[in-house]
Protein backbone atom coordinates (compact mmCIF):
# COMPACT_ATOMS: atom_id res chain seq x y z
CA MET A 1 -26.33 -30.40 16.07
CA ILE A 2 -24.32 -31.96 13.23
CA GLN A 3 -26.22 -34.68 11.38
CA TYR A 4 -25.91 -36.74 8.22
CA GLY A 5 -26.31 -34.70 5.05
CA LYS A 6 -25.06 -31.44 6.56
CA VAL A 7 -21.99 -29.62 5.26
CA VAL A 8 -19.45 -28.58 7.91
CA LYS A 9 -16.60 -26.08 7.81
CA ILE A 10 -13.32 -27.47 9.18
CA VAL A 11 -11.06 -24.55 10.20
CA ASP A 12 -7.35 -24.89 11.06
CA THR A 13 -6.98 -23.24 14.49
CA ARG A 14 -3.31 -22.47 13.69
CA ASP A 15 -4.21 -20.56 10.53
CA SER A 16 -7.84 -19.51 10.13
CA ASN A 17 -7.26 -18.77 6.43
CA LYS A 18 -7.04 -22.54 5.93
CA PHE A 19 -10.41 -24.26 5.98
CA TYR A 20 -12.26 -27.06 4.23
CA LEU A 21 -15.92 -27.83 3.57
CA ARG A 22 -17.05 -31.43 3.82
CA LYS A 23 -20.45 -33.08 3.55
CA ILE A 24 -21.24 -35.58 6.29
CA GLY A 25 -22.02 -38.82 4.46
CA ASN A 26 -21.38 -42.52 5.04
CA ASN A 27 -17.60 -42.38 4.59
CA PRO A 28 -16.04 -43.15 8.02
CA LYS A 29 -13.17 -40.74 7.23
CA VAL A 30 -14.50 -37.18 6.95
CA PHE A 31 -11.18 -35.35 6.66
CA GLU A 32 -7.41 -35.98 6.65
CA ASP A 33 -4.69 -33.32 6.54
CA HIS A 34 -1.13 -33.52 5.18
CA LYS A 35 0.18 -34.59 8.60
CA GLY A 36 -2.08 -37.62 8.76
CA ASN A 37 -4.53 -36.17 11.29
CA VAL A 38 -7.86 -37.84 10.63
CA ILE A 39 -11.30 -36.60 11.65
CA LYS A 40 -13.72 -39.50 11.64
CA LEU A 41 -17.46 -39.58 11.13
CA ASP A 42 -17.98 -40.69 14.74
CA ASP A 43 -16.05 -37.60 15.92
CA ILE A 44 -18.60 -35.26 14.30
CA VAL A 45 -22.07 -36.80 13.97
CA ASN A 46 -24.51 -35.75 16.72
CA GLN A 47 -22.00 -33.23 18.09
CA ASP A 48 -22.66 -29.51 18.45
CA TYR A 49 -20.82 -26.97 16.32
CA GLY A 50 -17.81 -25.39 17.96
CA LYS A 51 -15.93 -28.55 18.89
CA ILE A 52 -12.14 -28.64 18.34
CA ILE A 53 -10.84 -31.97 17.00
CA LYS A 54 -7.09 -32.50 16.47
CA GLY A 55 -6.43 -28.79 15.99
CA TYR A 56 -9.45 -28.15 13.76
CA PHE A 57 -12.53 -26.10 14.67
CA ILE A 58 -15.80 -27.62 13.46
CA ALA A 59 -18.17 -24.85 12.38
CA LYS A 60 -21.32 -24.26 10.38
CA PRO A 61 -20.39 -22.61 7.07
CA SER A 62 -21.70 -19.17 6.17
CA LEU A 63 -23.79 -18.65 3.06
CA ASP A 64 -20.70 -17.28 1.28
CA ASP A 65 -18.64 -20.30 2.37
CA PHE A 66 -21.27 -22.67 1.08
CA VAL A 67 -21.58 -21.02 -2.32
CA LEU A 68 -17.90 -20.34 -2.97
CA TYR A 69 -16.32 -23.51 -1.58
CA TYR A 70 -18.98 -26.24 -1.71
CA TRP A 71 -21.47 -25.37 -4.45
CA LYS A 72 -21.36 -27.83 -7.35
CA ARG A 73 -20.88 -25.85 -10.56
CA LYS A 74 -22.08 -26.88 -13.99
CA THR A 75 -21.83 -23.27 -15.19
CA GLN A 76 -20.12 -20.05 -14.18
CA ILE A 77 -21.88 -18.85 -11.00
CA ILE A 78 -23.18 -15.46 -9.95
CA TYR A 79 -20.90 -14.57 -7.03
CA PRO A 80 -22.45 -13.81 -3.62
CA LYS A 81 -21.23 -10.20 -3.77
CA ASP A 82 -23.16 -9.71 -7.01
CA ALA A 83 -26.23 -11.72 -5.95
CA SER A 84 -26.53 -9.74 -2.72
CA TYR A 85 -26.37 -6.45 -4.58
CA ILE A 86 -28.95 -7.60 -7.11
CA ILE A 87 -31.34 -8.41 -4.26
CA SER A 88 -30.84 -4.94 -2.79
CA LYS A 89 -31.60 -3.35 -6.17
CA MET A 90 -34.80 -5.24 -6.91
CA ASP A 91 -36.97 -4.14 -3.98
CA ILE A 92 -38.52 -7.57 -3.47
CA ASN A 93 -39.90 -9.18 -0.32
CA TYR A 94 -41.60 -12.32 0.95
CA ASN A 95 -44.76 -11.51 -1.07
CA SER A 96 -43.04 -10.98 -4.42
CA LYS A 97 -43.10 -13.15 -7.53
CA VAL A 98 -39.83 -13.18 -9.49
CA LEU A 99 -38.83 -14.72 -12.80
CA GLU A 100 -35.30 -16.08 -13.22
CA ILE A 101 -33.74 -16.85 -16.62
CA ALA A 102 -31.49 -18.95 -16.67
CA THR A 103 -31.04 -21.09 -13.53
CA GLY A 104 -27.44 -22.10 -14.31
CA SER A 105 -25.89 -23.59 -11.17
CA GLY A 106 -28.58 -22.10 -8.93
CA VAL A 107 -26.75 -19.48 -6.85
CA MET A 108 -29.09 -16.64 -7.77
CA THR A 109 -32.02 -18.99 -7.21
CA LEU A 110 -30.81 -19.53 -3.65
CA PHE A 111 -30.40 -15.81 -2.91
CA LEU A 112 -33.83 -15.05 -4.34
CA SER A 113 -35.52 -17.86 -2.42
CA LYS A 114 -33.87 -16.75 0.83
CA ASN A 115 -35.48 -13.32 0.40
CA LEU A 116 -38.86 -14.52 -0.89
CA PHE A 117 -39.39 -17.27 1.68
CA PRO A 118 -41.99 -18.27 2.84
CA TYR A 119 -44.80 -16.63 0.84
CA GLY A 120 -43.11 -15.43 -2.35
CA LYS A 121 -42.52 -17.41 -5.52
CA ILE A 122 -39.68 -17.87 -8.00
CA VAL A 123 -40.21 -19.23 -11.48
CA SER A 124 -36.77 -20.39 -12.59
CA ILE A 125 -36.23 -21.43 -16.21
CA GLU A 126 -33.28 -23.45 -17.51
CA LYS A 127 -33.34 -25.29 -20.83
CA ASN A 128 -30.47 -27.62 -19.85
CA TYR A 129 -31.94 -30.40 -17.72
CA GLU A 130 -28.56 -31.45 -16.27
CA PHE A 131 -27.95 -27.89 -15.04
CA LEU A 132 -31.40 -27.88 -13.48
CA LYS A 133 -30.86 -31.16 -11.61
CA ASN A 134 -27.55 -29.87 -10.27
CA SER A 135 -29.15 -26.64 -9.05
CA VAL A 136 -31.92 -28.48 -7.26
CA GLN A 137 -29.41 -30.73 -5.48
CA ASN A 138 -27.33 -27.70 -4.44
CA ILE A 139 -30.35 -26.08 -2.80
CA ILE A 140 -31.34 -29.38 -1.16
CA ASP A 141 -27.86 -29.59 0.37
CA PHE A 142 -28.16 -25.99 1.56
CA ASP A 143 -31.60 -26.58 3.12
CA LYS A 144 -30.27 -29.67 4.88
CA THR A 145 -27.23 -27.85 6.27
CA PHE A 146 -29.07 -24.73 7.44
CA ASP A 147 -32.42 -26.32 8.40
CA THR A 148 -34.28 -24.17 5.90
CA ASN A 149 -36.90 -24.92 3.26
CA TYR A 150 -36.05 -22.42 0.54
CA LEU A 151 -36.63 -24.95 -2.24
CA SER A 152 -40.36 -24.79 -1.43
CA VAL A 153 -40.75 -21.33 -3.00
CA VAL A 154 -39.14 -22.27 -6.34
CA GLU A 155 -40.81 -23.68 -9.43
CA PHE A 156 -38.34 -24.98 -12.01
CA PHE A 157 -39.08 -25.30 -15.72
CA THR A 158 -37.18 -26.44 -18.79
CA ALA A 159 -38.31 -24.19 -21.62
CA ASP A 160 -37.05 -22.52 -24.79
CA ASN A 161 -39.57 -19.65 -24.73
CA LEU A 162 -41.81 -17.82 -22.27
CA ASP A 163 -45.16 -18.20 -24.02
CA PHE A 164 -46.57 -20.24 -21.14
CA LEU A 165 -46.02 -17.27 -18.77
CA LYS A 166 -47.99 -14.64 -20.69
CA CYS A 167 -50.90 -14.77 -18.24
CA VAL A 168 -48.61 -14.19 -15.21
CA LYS A 169 -47.43 -10.85 -13.81
CA PHE A 170 -44.01 -10.69 -12.12
CA ASP A 171 -42.52 -8.19 -9.67
CA GLY A 172 -39.09 -8.56 -11.22
CA VAL A 173 -36.88 -10.60 -13.50
CA VAL A 174 -33.23 -11.66 -13.32
CA LEU A 175 -31.46 -12.80 -16.49
CA ASP A 176 -28.12 -14.56 -16.80
CA LEU A 177 -28.01 -14.79 -20.59
CA PRO A 178 -25.47 -13.55 -23.14
CA ASN A 179 -28.19 -11.94 -25.31
CA PRO A 180 -31.14 -10.97 -23.07
CA GLU A 181 -32.48 -8.38 -25.52
CA PHE A 182 -34.35 -11.04 -27.52
CA LEU A 183 -36.72 -11.44 -24.53
CA LEU A 184 -37.64 -7.77 -24.14
CA ASP A 185 -40.97 -8.18 -25.93
CA TYR A 186 -42.03 -10.76 -23.34
CA PHE A 187 -41.34 -8.36 -20.50
CA GLU A 188 -43.80 -5.88 -21.96
CA VAL A 189 -46.47 -8.45 -21.12
CA ILE A 190 -45.33 -10.27 -17.98
CA LEU A 191 -43.57 -7.54 -15.95
CA LYS A 192 -45.60 -5.24 -13.72
CA PRO A 193 -45.09 -1.49 -14.33
CA ALA A 194 -42.10 -0.02 -12.45
CA SER A 195 -40.72 -3.49 -11.68
CA PHE A 196 -37.04 -4.25 -12.09
CA MET A 197 -35.26 -6.13 -14.83
CA VAL A 198 -31.71 -7.10 -13.85
CA CYS A 199 -29.24 -8.62 -16.31
CA VAL A 200 -25.77 -9.96 -15.56
CA LEU A 201 -23.32 -9.77 -18.46
CA PRO A 202 -19.57 -10.47 -18.49
CA THR A 203 -18.42 -8.19 -21.34
CA VAL A 204 -18.78 -4.53 -22.33
CA ASN A 205 -19.88 -5.51 -25.85
CA GLN A 206 -22.93 -7.32 -24.45
CA VAL A 207 -23.76 -4.40 -22.16
CA ILE A 208 -23.70 -1.91 -25.05
CA SER A 209 -25.91 -4.15 -27.17
CA LEU A 210 -28.48 -4.34 -24.37
CA LEU A 211 -28.40 -0.61 -23.63
CA GLU A 212 -29.13 0.20 -27.24
CA LYS A 213 -32.39 -1.75 -27.05
CA ILE A 214 -33.88 -1.09 -23.60
CA ARG A 215 -34.12 2.71 -23.57
CA LYS A 216 -37.46 2.68 -25.39
CA ASN A 217 -39.39 0.86 -22.65
CA PHE A 218 -37.17 1.02 -19.55
CA VAL A 219 -35.99 3.88 -17.34
CA ASP A 220 -33.79 4.29 -14.26
CA ILE A 221 -31.07 2.35 -16.08
CA SER A 222 -27.74 1.67 -14.37
CA VAL A 223 -24.60 -0.34 -15.10
CA GLU A 224 -22.51 -1.35 -12.09
CA GLU A 225 -19.64 -3.62 -11.11
CA ILE A 226 -18.97 -4.97 -7.62
CA ILE A 227 -15.38 -5.67 -6.53
CA VAL A 228 -14.45 -7.12 -3.13
CA ARG A 229 -10.84 -7.22 -1.92
CA LYS A 230 -9.89 -9.61 0.89
CA TYR A 231 -7.07 -9.06 3.38
CA LYS A 232 -4.86 -11.46 5.30
CA THR A 233 -5.71 -11.37 8.99
CA ASN A 234 -2.20 -11.67 10.46
CA PRO A 235 -1.82 -8.43 12.54
CA GLU A 236 1.98 -8.55 12.20
CA ARG A 237 1.90 -8.37 8.39
CA MET A 238 -1.60 -7.48 7.35
CA ARG A 239 -1.98 -6.96 3.62
CA PRO A 240 -4.26 -7.97 0.74
CA PHE A 241 -4.28 -11.53 -0.50
CA ASP A 242 -1.85 -12.08 -3.36
CA THR A 243 -4.67 -13.03 -5.71
CA MET A 244 -8.27 -11.91 -5.91
CA VAL A 245 -11.47 -12.39 -7.85
CA ALA A 246 -11.62 -9.14 -9.79
CA HIS A 247 -14.17 -8.74 -12.58
CA THR A 248 -17.04 -11.21 -12.36
CA THR A 249 -19.93 -9.49 -14.13
CA TYR A 250 -21.61 -6.22 -15.04
CA ILE A 251 -24.99 -5.68 -13.39
CA ILE A 252 -27.50 -3.85 -15.59
CA SER A 253 -30.71 -2.83 -13.88
CA ALA A 254 -33.73 -0.94 -15.27
CA LYS A 255 -37.37 -0.31 -14.43
CA LYS A 256 -40.16 -1.05 -16.84
CA MET A 257 -42.13 2.03 -17.90
C-alpha cells in the first residue's frame, strides 16, 4: 500500500521508457505532465501499487530505479552495476563485518547493508558531515519505500584516520578514495587474512599507483570494468539507446595475505 514518505514510480503507459520518481509528501499535487494531466495526493495515498491514473501506471521502483533516478547526490555515486559486482566479489553474508571508506552519497552503503542485514555490520567512514547526513537520509527514504530496516546494520563515523578501529577485525573493506594506498598499513592490522579489499578508482593513473603498492601484502589481484548497454524496447525498431553511461569506474580487488 502506498503511504506518506514512500517513493513511487510513475510510468507512462504509452511509452514505458518515460517514467518519473516522486516522493509522497504533503504537496496535494504529486505529478503533472506537459499536457496538464495532474495526479493528486488523494489519488495515490492508501492505494495499492498497480493502479492506472490518467494514463500513468503507479509502481514501486526497483532498487536500480531508486538509486539512479531518486538518490540525492552530494558526490559522484557508485553505480548499481558496479556495486552489485563488488558484492559478488567480496564473499560476504549476513554475519560479516565490513568497513567502508568513504561513504560519499551512500549507494555502496545501501548495497552492503542489503546483503549484511540483519546480523552483519557496516562501519562507514566519511569525513564530510554534510555528505554523511545526505547518505543517512537516502537510506531512510529507501527503508520507508521498501519497508526495510537496512540502516540498522550501519554505524557511521566522521574521522580522518582509522586509529580507533585497530582493535577490530573486518571481513572486507571497500574504498572510494582517489589515493587508497595511504591506508594499506591499517589493513595489515584490521583486515582478517584472505579477506577482500576492493577499491573503486576512475582513472588508469590511480589504478597503476595502487597496483605498485599492494603486491607486497595482497594476492589474487584483479582490475575490472563493468559496462551495461540498454536497448529501446520498441519491437518495430529495436536498437540501443542513443546515449549510454560508459566508463564509471575501475574495480580493483585483492585478498590480504
